[in-house]
Each structure stands twice: as structure tokens, then as C-alpha cells.
Amino acid sequence: MSGTAIPLSAAVGVEITGLSGAQFVDPGVVADCQAALDTHGVVVYRDAHLEDADLVAFSRLLGDVITAPVGGLTAHPEISPISLDPATSALASYRKGTFFWHIDGVNDELPQRASLLAARQVADDGGDTEFANTYAAYAALPDEEKDHLGTLRVVHSLAATQLLTNPNPSPKQRASWDRTPSREHPLVWTRATGRRSLLVGATTDHVVGLPQDDSRALLDRLLDWSTQPRFVLRHHWRVGDLVVWDNTGMLHRALPYEPISPRLLHRTTLAGTEAIA
């Protein structure tokens, strides 16, 4: 392992120190990062201090990088600024939705494989990021429940997330949300490798075929199960941190922080490689 690695818990996360800047474009560092992602789900690099060009270069060595569809940096359109300040982020009005547990890109044909966040400024209060291992959460379920959940399908939508922060949208707001198509997926995501995870979170609208109350109760129960402390890593940001996570098997959320907070993270996203099945 390049640098010094310390597992952060039994279920999720490893912290690596001793790497910074241009060292991240070394092929050995890239291979070690991918191996750590496969094992731990979340890789925390302390004191990485990557410049934007190195962040993009490292991301490209890990996989195909998605150009930000809205609000990417002019010099580096692959980088999305994460902030609640509308002068800094074109998507600031949507960011409060990230205060709820979610998986990114679940409505895409191929959900995003992984994401990288580099801390430029941090919040004075709040703003930590939490990750929950949905591989481990599924594995810990009783076999009988695994069999039952494997028969269910769930609809995911952008509107489900946005209604959590804006329960009374205007017709214009609702129409903008509905331009992102909803998708129906299995509740249990089975990879080509045979590995399985629960596909839950704020984007879940309803379970197909269940009455509304029963559907909501099941989805809420599974989210509570998946986000027990034993499956969760909480990351307290410091300027210079870089965090990489397996978006397909980790729920994540930002803990609330004030809109006037200086918190600013630079994000890159790796394109998906496997459809949900």
C-alpha cells in the first residue's frame, strides 16, 4: 500500500497518510486505491492537497470521468464545486437534498461507479460526510429476509429526494424534477461478481405492488437497518482531505451546515460500468 493505511472500522473505510499532490498520478497509488475501494468501500487520504489538475488526472487513472452536466469549473469542467452558495455552485438549491442518505446517479442507465471529493474549505460547524456500507447491511440480514427482498422491485426518483426538503413545490419546480425520469430497480442489487447490496435511500419512491403505507414502512426500516452505527463511517473534513468512495455500495450524506458556511468541496465522478440487475 502506498502511504500508511489504517482501517477505520470493521465494516467501512480506510485512512491513508503520507501521500500528497502529484504523487497521486503514480500507477501504484492508483492500483492501491482501487484495491482499497474494493475492500473498504471508502478511502480517506489525509493531507492530500491535490490541485485541480492532479485531482482530474488521478480520477482519469481510476476510470472514465464524467464531465459535469451543469456548473463545472471553467478550467476543469470535470469538477463540480459542492457548496450551498449559489454564487459558487449552480446546483446550490439542490444541495440540501444531500443531507439525506442517498446513492448518486441511481436514475442513470449506469449508476456512477465512484466519486472523489477534495476539501478546499470546511464548515465552522457541521458539514461532515457519512457513509453507510450497503454490502455489509445486506450480508447481515437473515437468510429468509434476503430471499424475500430479492423478489421486490423499487422505483427511484429525483422528486422523492427533493420533496424531503421542499414538500410543497411550485408546479415549475415539480416539472423540473420530473424531467429526470424515474427508474424501477430490484431492491437487491446483484453484481456480476455475485456480490449484493441493498438499493435504498432518499431516492426511493415506492416498492412496486405494495400498498403505500407498507411500502414506506419497509423502505424506512431497511434504511434504518443499513445506517446503523456498525455500518457507518463519519468523516470530519480538514482542508486538503481527499475522499474516494464506491458509490454503488455506499450510501452517503452530508450533515447539515449553514448556507453562509465557507464549506467548499471539489468533486469528480467516475462513470458507471455495470447496470443494476
C-alpha atoms as a PDB file:
ATOM      1  CA  MET A   1       0.000   0.000   0.000  1.00  0.00           C
ATOM      2  CA  SER A   2       1.366   3.407  -0.961  1.00  0.00           C
ATOM      3  CA  GLY A   3       1.435   5.563   2.153  1.00  0.00           C
ATOM      4  CA  THR A   4       0.384   4.352   5.593  1.00  0.00           C
ATOM      5  CA  ALA A   5      -3.056   2.697   5.760  1.00  0.00           C
ATOM      6  CA  ILE A   6      -5.225   2.297   8.867  1.00  0.00           C
ATOM      7  CA  PRO A   7      -8.687   0.657   8.677  1.00  0.00           C
ATOM      8  CA  LEU A   8     -11.302   2.948  10.205  1.00  0.00           C
ATOM      9  CA  SER A   9     -13.828   0.266  11.186  1.00  0.00           C
ATOM     10  CA  ALA A  10     -14.619  -3.371  10.587  1.00  0.00           C
ATOM     11  CA  ALA A  11     -17.331  -2.541   8.042  1.00  0.00           C
ATOM     12  CA  VAL A  12     -16.210   0.538   6.133  1.00  0.00           C
ATOM     13  CA  GLY A  13     -13.312   2.869   5.485  1.00  0.00           C
ATOM     14  CA  VAL A  14      -9.529   3.082   5.451  1.00  0.00           C
ATOM     15  CA  GLU A  15      -7.390   6.157   6.124  1.00  0.00           C
ATOM     16  CA  ILE A  16      -4.153   6.651   4.175  1.00  0.00           C
ATOM     17  CA  THR A  17      -1.479   9.195   5.050  1.00  0.00           C
ATOM     18  CA  GLY A  18       1.877  10.068   3.542  1.00  0.00           C
ATOM     19  CA  LEU A  19       0.723  10.941   0.007  1.00  0.00           C
ATOM     20  CA  SER A  20       0.187  14.375  -1.490  1.00  0.00           C
ATOM     21  CA  GLY A  21      -0.041  16.323  -4.719  1.00  0.00           C
ATOM     22  CA  ALA A  22       1.434  14.804  -7.862  1.00  0.00           C
ATOM     23  CA  GLN A  23       2.226  11.509  -6.070  1.00  0.00           C
ATOM     24  CA  PHE A  24      -1.369  10.510  -6.819  1.00  0.00           C
ATOM     25  CA  VAL A  25      -0.686  10.059 -10.535  1.00  0.00           C
ATOM     26  CA  ASP A  26       1.686   7.173  -9.810  1.00  0.00           C
ATOM     27  CA  PRO A  27       0.228   3.898 -11.200  1.00  0.00           C
ATOM     28  CA  GLY A  28       0.982   2.116  -7.932  1.00  0.00           C
ATOM     29  CA  VAL A  29      -1.062   4.634  -5.957  1.00  0.00           C
ATOM     30  CA  VAL A  30      -3.935   4.189  -8.412  1.00  0.00           C
ATOM     31  CA  ALA A  31      -3.829   0.383  -8.105  1.00  0.00           C
ATOM     32  CA  ASP A  32      -3.702   0.594  -4.314  1.00  0.00           C
ATOM     33  CA  CYS A  33      -6.667   2.978  -4.281  1.00  0.00           C
ATOM     34  CA  GLN A  34      -8.765   0.615  -6.377  1.00  0.00           C
ATOM     35  CA  ALA A  35      -7.844  -2.343  -4.152  1.00  0.00           C
ATOM     36  CA  ALA A  36      -8.722  -0.328  -1.046  1.00  0.00           C
ATOM     37  CA  LEU A  37     -12.076   0.658  -2.553  1.00  0.00           C
ATOM     38  CA  ASP A  38     -12.892  -2.990  -3.258  1.00  0.00           C
ATOM     39  CA  THR A  39     -12.039  -3.953   0.320  1.00  0.00           C
ATOM     40  CA  HIS A  40     -13.147  -0.969   2.391  1.00  0.00           C
ATOM     41  CA  GLY A  41     -15.630   0.987   0.238  1.00  0.00           C
ATOM     42  CA  VAL A  42     -14.292   4.390   1.335  1.00  0.00           C
ATOM     43  CA  VAL A  43     -10.697   5.626   1.117  1.00  0.00           C
ATOM     44  CA  VAL A  44      -9.728   8.726   3.126  1.00  0.00           C
ATOM     45  CA  TYR A  45      -6.476  10.458   2.157  1.00  0.00           C
ATOM     46  CA  ARG A  46      -5.419  12.929   4.835  1.00  0.00           C
ATOM     47  CA  ASP A  47      -3.331  15.970   3.851  1.00  0.00           C
ATOM     48  CA  ALA A  48      -3.502  15.077   0.148  1.00  0.00           C
ATOM     49  CA  HIS A  49      -3.711  18.719  -1.025  1.00  0.00           C
ATOM     50  CA  LEU A  50      -4.406  17.875  -4.668  1.00  0.00           C
ATOM     51  CA  GLU A  51      -4.558  20.777  -7.085  1.00  0.00           C
ATOM     52  CA  ASP A  52      -7.482  20.610  -9.504  1.00  0.00           C
ATOM     53  CA  ALA A  53      -5.319  19.350 -12.388  1.00  0.00           C
ATOM     54  CA  ASP A  54      -3.974  16.492 -10.250  1.00  0.00           C
ATOM     55  CA  LEU A  55      -7.468  15.675  -8.999  1.00  0.00           C
ATOM     56  CA  VAL A  56      -8.669  15.299 -12.582  1.00  0.00           C
ATOM     57  CA  ALA A  57      -5.579  13.310 -13.591  1.00  0.00           C
ATOM     58  CA  PHE A  58      -5.936  10.899 -10.648  1.00  0.00           C
ATOM     59  CA  SER A  59      -9.645  10.475 -11.400  1.00  0.00           C
ATOM     60  CA  ARG A  60      -8.930   9.643 -15.040  1.00  0.00           C
ATOM     61  CA  LEU A  61      -6.443   6.971 -13.998  1.00  0.00           C
ATOM     62  CA  LEU A  62      -9.159   5.365 -11.862  1.00  0.00           C
ATOM     63  CA  GLY A  63     -11.778   5.341 -14.644  1.00  0.00           C
ATOM     64  CA  ASP A  64     -13.786   7.336 -17.160  1.00  0.00           C
ATOM     65  CA  VAL A  65     -14.560  10.756 -15.706  1.00  0.00           C
ATOM     66  CA  ILE A  66     -17.960  12.365 -16.250  1.00  0.00           C
ATOM     67  CA  THR A  67     -17.993  15.987 -17.394  1.00  0.00           C
ATOM     68  CA  ALA A  68     -20.236  17.921 -15.026  1.00  0.00           C
ATOM     69  CA  PRO A  69     -23.557  18.457 -16.879  1.00  0.00           C
ATOM     70  CA  VAL A  70     -24.189  21.741 -15.040  1.00  0.00           C
ATOM     71  CA  GLY A  71     -21.889  24.178 -13.289  1.00  0.00           C
ATOM     72  CA  GLY A  72     -18.497  22.552 -13.805  1.00  0.00           C
ATOM     73  CA  LEU A  73     -15.398  24.673 -13.379  1.00  0.00           C
ATOM     74  CA  THR A  74     -14.386  26.600 -16.490  1.00  0.00           C
ATOM     75  CA  ALA A  75     -10.781  25.383 -16.376  1.00  0.00           C
ATOM     76  CA  HIS A  76     -11.768  21.843 -15.383  1.00  0.00           C
ATOM     77  CA  PRO A  77     -15.329  21.003 -16.478  1.00  0.00           C
ATOM     78  CA  GLU A  78     -14.971  17.562 -14.850  1.00  0.00           C
ATOM     79  CA  ILE A  79     -15.015  19.242 -11.418  1.00  0.00           C
ATOM     80  CA  SER A  80     -18.267  20.197  -9.697  1.00  0.00           C
ATOM     81  CA  PRO A  81     -17.992  22.672  -6.815  1.00  0.00           C
ATOM     82  CA  ILE A  82     -20.047  21.480  -3.827  1.00  0.00           C
ATOM     83  CA  SER A  83     -21.413  24.422  -1.878  1.00  0.00           C
ATOM     84  CA  LEU A  84     -24.680  25.889  -0.608  1.00  0.00           C
ATOM     85  CA  ASP A  85     -23.650  29.269  -2.030  1.00  0.00           C
ATOM     86  CA  PRO A  86     -25.470  29.864  -5.360  1.00  0.00           C
ATOM     87  CA  ALA A  87     -22.623  32.155  -6.435  1.00  0.00           C
ATOM     88  CA  THR A  88     -20.259  29.175  -6.168  1.00  0.00           C
ATOM     89  CA  SER A  89     -22.451  26.263  -7.276  1.00  0.00           C
ATOM     90  CA  ALA A  90     -25.149  26.341  -9.939  1.00  0.00           C
ATOM     91  CA  LEU A  91     -26.784  23.411  -8.128  1.00  0.00           C
ATOM     92  CA  ALA A  92     -26.791  25.006  -4.675  1.00  0.00           C
ATOM     93  CA  SER A  93     -30.591  24.888  -4.483  1.00  0.00           C
ATOM     94  CA  TYR A  94     -30.485  21.074  -4.768  1.00  0.00           C
ATOM     95  CA  ARG A  95     -27.687  20.515  -2.236  1.00  0.00           C
ATOM     96  CA  LYS A  96     -29.940  20.284   0.820  1.00  0.00           C
ATOM     97  CA  GLY A  97     -31.208  17.039  -0.664  1.00  0.00           C
ATOM     98  CA  THR A  98     -27.751  15.631   0.042  1.00  0.00           C
ATOM     99  CA  PHE A  99     -28.467  15.916   3.769  1.00  0.00           C
ATOM    100  CA  PHE A 100     -30.396  12.638   3.363  1.00  0.00           C
ATOM    101  CA  TRP A 101     -28.883   9.193   2.753  1.00  0.00           C
ATOM    102  CA  HIS A 102     -28.581   8.517  -0.978  1.00  0.00           C
ATOM    103  CA  ILE A 103     -26.686   6.883  -3.841  1.00  0.00           C
ATOM    104  CA  ASP A 104     -25.686   9.198  -6.692  1.00  0.00           C
ATOM    105  CA  GLY A 105     -26.908   8.585 -10.215  1.00  0.00           C
ATOM    106  CA  VAL A 106     -29.348   5.830  -9.325  1.00  0.00           C
ATOM    107  CA  ASN A 107     -31.639   7.137 -12.080  1.00  0.00           C
ATOM    108  CA  ASP A 108     -28.890   6.853 -14.696  1.00  0.00           C
ATOM    109  CA  GLU A 109     -28.685   3.873 -17.034  1.00  0.00           C
ATOM    110  CA  LEU A 110     -25.328   3.067 -15.419  1.00  0.00           C
ATOM    111  CA  PRO A 111     -25.082   4.400 -11.856  1.00  0.00           C
ATOM    112  CA  GLN A 112     -21.878   6.294 -11.147  1.00  0.00           C
ATOM    113  CA  ARG A 113     -19.117   3.901 -10.120  1.00  0.00           C
ATOM    114  CA  ALA A 114     -17.238   6.107  -7.676  1.00  0.00           C
ATOM    115  CA  SER A 115     -16.783   9.701  -6.575  1.00  0.00           C
ATOM    116  CA  LEU A 116     -13.888  11.799  -5.297  1.00  0.00           C
ATOM    117  CA  LEU A 117     -14.194  14.832  -3.026  1.00  0.00           C
ATOM    118  CA  ALA A 118     -11.324  17.205  -2.281  1.00  0.00           C
ATOM    119  CA  ALA A 119     -11.763  19.683   0.575  1.00  0.00           C
ATOM    120  CA  ARG A 120     -10.960  23.287  -0.342  1.00  0.00           C
ATOM    121  CA  GLN A 121     -12.733  24.959   2.593  1.00  0.00           C
ATOM    122  CA  VAL A 122     -14.562  23.393   5.537  1.00  0.00           C
ATOM    123  CA  ALA A 123     -17.552  24.356   7.631  1.00  0.00           C
ATOM    124  CA  ASP A 124     -17.115  26.014  11.002  1.00  0.00           C
ATOM    125  CA  ASP A 125     -19.966  23.851  12.270  1.00  0.00           C
ATOM    126  CA  GLY A 126     -21.482  20.724  10.687  1.00  0.00           C
ATOM    127  CA  GLY A 127     -20.736  19.578   7.170  1.00  0.00           C
ATOM    128  CA  ASP A 128     -19.232  16.162   7.999  1.00  0.00           C
ATOM    129  CA  THR A 129     -19.949  13.400   5.473  1.00  0.00           C
ATOM    130  CA  GLU A 130     -21.238   9.980   6.495  1.00  0.00           C
ATOM    131  CA  PHE A 131     -21.019   6.737   4.532  1.00  0.00           C
ATOM    132  CA  ALA A 132     -23.020   3.535   5.098  1.00  0.00           C
ATOM    133  CA  ASN A 133     -21.977   0.165   3.686  1.00  0.00           C
ATOM    134  CA  THR A 134     -24.971  -1.426   1.952  1.00  0.00           C
ATOM    135  CA  TYR A 135     -22.968  -4.548   1.092  1.00  0.00           C
ATOM    136  CA  ALA A 136     -22.416  -5.201   4.792  1.00  0.00           C
ATOM    137  CA  ALA A 137     -26.004  -4.273   5.632  1.00  0.00           C
ATOM    138  CA  TYR A 138     -27.342  -6.835   3.166  1.00  0.00           C
ATOM    139  CA  ALA A 139     -24.909  -9.532   4.306  1.00  0.00           C
ATOM    140  CA  ALA A 140     -26.066  -9.123   7.920  1.00  0.00           C
ATOM    141  CA  LEU A 141     -29.746  -9.758   7.133  1.00  0.00           C
ATOM    142  CA  PRO A 142     -31.336 -13.120   7.996  1.00  0.00           C
ATOM    143  CA  ASP A 143     -31.351 -15.500   5.020  1.00  0.00           C
ATOM    144  CA  GLU A 144     -35.147 -15.662   4.971  1.00  0.00           C
ATOM    145  CA  GLU A 145     -35.397 -11.888   4.636  1.00  0.00           C
ATOM    146  CA  LYS A 146     -32.748 -11.847   1.920  1.00  0.00           C
ATOM    147  CA  ASP A 147     -34.866 -14.295  -0.082  1.00  0.00           C
ATOM    148  CA  HIS A 148     -37.982 -12.136   0.297  1.00  0.00           C
ATOM    149  CA  LEU A 149     -36.261  -8.836  -0.528  1.00  0.00           C
ATOM    150  CA  GLY A 150     -34.751 -10.434  -3.605  1.00  0.00           C
ATOM    151  CA  THR A 151     -38.254 -10.690  -5.107  1.00  0.00           C
ATOM    152  CA  LEU A 152     -39.065  -6.971  -4.735  1.00  0.00           C
ATOM    153  CA  ARG A 153     -38.601  -4.006  -7.039  1.00  0.00           C
ATOM    154  CA  VAL A 154     -38.462  -0.329  -6.117  1.00  0.00           C
ATOM    155  CA  VAL A 155     -38.985   2.918  -8.032  1.00  0.00           C
ATOM    156  CA  HIS A 156     -36.383   5.681  -7.584  1.00  0.00           C
ATOM    157  CA  SER A 157     -36.953   9.333  -8.487  1.00  0.00           C
ATOM    158  CA  LEU A 158     -35.372  12.762  -8.080  1.00  0.00           C
ATOM    159  CA  ALA A 159     -38.700  14.066  -6.809  1.00  0.00           C
ATOM    160  CA  ALA A 160     -38.629  11.660  -3.842  1.00  0.00           C
ATOM    161  CA  THR A 161     -35.427  13.310  -2.627  1.00  0.00           C
ATOM    162  CA  GLN A 162     -36.431  16.898  -3.319  1.00  0.00           C
ATOM    163  CA  LEU A 163     -39.793  16.503  -1.560  1.00  0.00           C
ATOM    164  CA  LEU A 164     -37.906  15.827   1.662  1.00  0.00           C
ATOM    165  CA  THR A 165     -36.599  19.402   1.693  1.00  0.00           C
ATOM    166  CA  ASN A 166     -39.403  21.072  -0.269  1.00  0.00           C
ATOM    167  CA  PRO A 167     -42.690  19.246   0.420  1.00  0.00           C
ATOM    168  CA  ASN A 168     -44.798  21.944  -1.289  1.00  0.00           C
ATOM    169  CA  PRO A 169     -43.084  22.654  -4.616  1.00  0.00           C
ATOM    170  CA  SER A 170     -44.415  25.031  -7.214  1.00  0.00           C
ATOM    171  CA  PRO A 171     -45.619  23.489 -10.476  1.00  0.00           C
ATOM    172  CA  LYS A 172     -42.443  24.805 -12.126  1.00  0.00           C
ATOM    173  CA  GLN A 173     -40.220  23.153  -9.509  1.00  0.00           C
ATOM    174  CA  ARG A 174     -42.074  19.858  -9.753  1.00  0.00           C
ATOM    175  CA  ALA A 175     -41.846  19.910 -13.546  1.00  0.00           C
ATOM    176  CA  SER A 176     -38.087  20.471 -13.345  1.00  0.00           C
ATOM    177  CA  TRP A 177     -37.708  17.466 -11.038  1.00  0.00           C
ATOM    178  CA  ASP A 178     -39.859  15.271 -13.256  1.00  0.00           C
ATOM    179  CA  ARG A 179     -37.616  15.945 -16.246  1.00  0.00           C
ATOM    180  CA  THR A 180     -35.274  13.402 -14.644  1.00  0.00           C
ATOM    181  CA  PRO A 181     -37.003  10.083 -15.403  1.00  0.00           C
ATOM    182  CA  SER A 182     -37.784   7.727 -12.544  1.00  0.00           C
ATOM    183  CA  ARG A 183     -36.388   4.194 -12.746  1.00  0.00           C
ATOM    184  CA  GLU A 184     -37.538   0.831 -11.461  1.00  0.00           C
ATOM    185  CA  HIS A 185     -34.798  -1.344  -9.971  1.00  0.00           C
ATOM    186  CA  PRO A 186     -34.522  -4.530  -7.913  1.00  0.00           C
ATOM    187  CA  LEU A 187     -34.376  -3.776  -4.212  1.00  0.00           C
ATOM    188  CA  VAL A 188     -31.307  -6.033  -4.001  1.00  0.00           C
ATOM    189  CA  TRP A 189     -28.561  -5.160  -6.488  1.00  0.00           C
ATOM    190  CA  THR A 190     -26.698  -8.299  -7.600  1.00  0.00           C
ATOM    191  CA  ARG A 191     -23.342  -7.645  -9.290  1.00  0.00           C
ATOM    192  CA  ALA A 192     -21.794  -9.790 -11.993  1.00  0.00           C
ATOM    193  CA  THR A 193     -19.411 -10.996  -9.279  1.00  0.00           C
ATOM    194  CA  GLY A 194     -22.350 -12.224  -7.187  1.00  0.00           C
ATOM    195  CA  ARG A 195     -21.866  -9.516  -4.562  1.00  0.00           C
ATOM    196  CA  ARG A 196     -25.153  -7.999  -3.333  1.00  0.00           C
ATOM    197  CA  SER A 197     -26.230  -4.745  -1.717  1.00  0.00           C
ATOM    198  CA  LEU A 198     -29.451  -3.020  -0.698  1.00  0.00           C
ATOM    199  CA  LEU A 199     -30.636  -0.288  -3.069  1.00  0.00           C
ATOM    200  CA  VAL A 200     -32.236   2.094  -0.592  1.00  0.00           C
ATOM    201  CA  GLY A 201     -32.045   5.774   0.310  1.00  0.00           C
ATOM    202  CA  ALA A 202     -33.783   9.098  -0.222  1.00  0.00           C
ATOM    203  CA  THR A 203     -34.449   8.425  -3.910  1.00  0.00           C
ATOM    204  CA  THR A 204     -36.794   5.513  -3.148  1.00  0.00           C
ATOM    205  CA  ASP A 205     -40.361   6.434  -4.061  1.00  0.00           C
ATOM    206  CA  HIS A 206     -42.212   3.156  -3.562  1.00  0.00           C
ATOM    207  CA  VAL A 207     -41.961  -0.622  -3.705  1.00  0.00           C
ATOM    208  CA  VAL A 208     -43.802  -1.990  -6.714  1.00  0.00           C
ATOM    209  CA  GLY A 209     -47.008  -3.803  -5.815  1.00  0.00           C
ATOM    210  CA  LEU A 210     -47.145  -2.834  -2.131  1.00  0.00           C
ATOM    211  CA  PRO A 211     -49.718  -0.505  -0.558  1.00  0.00           C
ATOM    212  CA  GLN A 212     -48.241   2.948   0.034  1.00  0.00           C
ATOM    213  CA  ASP A 213     -48.038   2.667   3.835  1.00  0.00           C
ATOM    214  CA  ASP A 214     -46.474  -0.808   3.708  1.00  0.00           C
ATOM    215  CA  SER A 215     -44.030   0.304   1.035  1.00  0.00           C
ATOM    216  CA  ARG A 216     -42.874   3.322   3.010  1.00  0.00           C
ATOM    217  CA  ALA A 217     -42.577   1.327   6.225  1.00  0.00           C
ATOM    218  CA  LEU A 218     -40.389  -1.298   4.539  1.00  0.00           C
ATOM    219  CA  LEU A 219     -38.118   1.235   2.837  1.00  0.00           C
ATOM    220  CA  ASP A 220     -37.707   3.243   6.045  1.00  0.00           C
ATOM    221  CA  ARG A 221     -36.941   0.092   8.040  1.00  0.00           C
ATOM    222  CA  LEU A 222     -34.290  -1.032   5.562  1.00  0.00           C
ATOM    223  CA  LEU A 223     -32.709   2.417   5.530  1.00  0.00           C
ATOM    224  CA  ASP A 224     -32.583   2.419   9.329  1.00  0.00           C
ATOM    225  CA  TRP A 225     -31.020  -1.050   9.213  1.00  0.00           C
ATOM    226  CA  SER A 226     -28.404  -0.012   6.647  1.00  0.00           C
ATOM    227  CA  THR A 227     -27.380   3.105   8.573  1.00  0.00           C
ATOM    228  CA  GLN A 228     -26.775   1.514  11.969  1.00  0.00           C
ATOM    229  CA  PRO A 229     -23.538   2.742  13.565  1.00  0.00           C
ATOM    230  CA  ARG A 230     -21.838  -0.605  12.872  1.00  0.00           C
ATOM    231  CA  PHE A 231     -22.153   0.016   9.104  1.00  0.00           C
ATOM    232  CA  VAL A 232     -21.373   3.760   9.133  1.00  0.00           C
ATOM    233  CA  LEU A 233     -18.254   5.907   8.815  1.00  0.00           C
ATOM    234  CA  ARG A 234     -18.392   9.599   9.718  1.00  0.00           C
ATOM    235  CA  HIS A 235     -15.712  11.768   8.124  1.00  0.00           C
ATOM    236  CA  HIS A 236     -14.779  15.101   9.683  1.00  0.00           C
ATOM    237  CA  TRP A 237     -13.296  17.251   6.935  1.00  0.00           C
ATOM    238  CA  ARG A 238      -9.987  19.044   7.076  1.00  0.00           C
ATOM    239  CA  VAL A 239      -8.657  21.284   4.317  1.00  0.00           C
ATOM    240  CA  GLY A 240      -6.564  19.113   1.994  1.00  0.00           C
ATOM    241  CA  ASP A 241      -8.515  15.891   2.552  1.00  0.00           C
ATOM    242  CA  LEU A 242      -9.395  13.675  -0.403  1.00  0.00           C
ATOM    243  CA  VAL A 243     -12.106  11.030  -0.029  1.00  0.00           C
ATOM    244  CA  VAL A 244     -12.910   8.378  -2.637  1.00  0.00           C
ATOM    245  CA  TRP A 245     -15.867   6.028  -2.300  1.00  0.00           C
ATOM    246  CA  ASP A 246     -17.604   3.178  -4.103  1.00  0.00           C
ATOM    247  CA  ASN A 247     -20.853   4.914  -4.996  1.00  0.00           C
ATOM    248  CA  THR A 248     -22.572   1.663  -5.934  1.00  0.00           C
ATOM    249  CA  GLY A 249     -22.285   0.083  -2.490  1.00  0.00           C
ATOM    250  CA  MET A 250     -22.147   3.053  -0.114  1.00  0.00           C
ATOM    251  CA  LEU A 251     -24.963   5.351   0.883  1.00  0.00           C
ATOM    252  CA  HIS A 252     -23.708   8.794   1.822  1.00  0.00           C
ATOM    253  CA  ARG A 253     -24.997  12.084   3.183  1.00  0.00           C
ATOM    254  CA  ALA A 254     -23.683  15.469   4.245  1.00  0.00           C
ATOM    255  CA  LEU A 255     -24.543  16.532   7.775  1.00  0.00           C
ATOM    256  CA  PRO A 256     -26.343  19.890   7.721  1.00  0.00           C
ATOM    257  CA  TYR A 257     -24.378  23.129   7.606  1.00  0.00           C
ATOM    258  CA  GLU A 258     -25.393  26.750   7.168  1.00  0.00           C
ATOM    259  CA  PRO A 259     -25.859  28.279   3.691  1.00  0.00           C
ATOM    260  CA  ILE A 260     -23.409  31.022   4.679  1.00  0.00           C
ATOM    261  CA  SER A 261     -20.791  28.401   5.588  1.00  0.00           C
ATOM    262  CA  PRO A 262     -17.489  28.614   3.662  1.00  0.00           C
ATOM    263  CA  ARG A 263     -17.611  24.826   3.051  1.00  0.00           C
ATOM    264  CA  LEU A 264     -16.384  24.073  -0.477  1.00  0.00           C
ATOM    265  CA  LEU A 265     -15.523  20.660  -1.867  1.00  0.00           C
ATOM    266  CA  HIS A 266     -14.358  19.874  -5.402  1.00  0.00           C
ATOM    267  CA  ARG A 267     -15.877  16.729  -6.808  1.00  0.00           C
ATOM    268  CA  THR A 268     -15.140  14.396  -9.705  1.00  0.00           C
ATOM    269  CA  THR A 269     -17.264  11.432 -10.688  1.00  0.00           C
ATOM    270  CA  LEU A 270     -16.376   8.147 -12.374  1.00  0.00           C
ATOM    271  CA  ALA A 271     -18.778   6.768 -14.968  1.00  0.00           C
ATOM    272  CA  GLY A 272     -20.626   3.569 -14.176  1.00  0.00           C
ATOM    273  CA  THR A 273     -19.588   0.236 -15.622  1.00  0.00           C
ATOM    274  CA  GLU A 274     -22.457  -2.056 -14.562  1.00  0.00           C
ATOM    275  CA  ALA A 275     -26.215  -1.695 -14.813  1.00  0.00           C
ATOM    276  CA  ILE A 276     -28.402  -2.507 -11.827  1.00  0.00           C
ATOM    277  CA  ALA A 277     -29.645  -6.087 -12.022  1.00  0.00           C
END
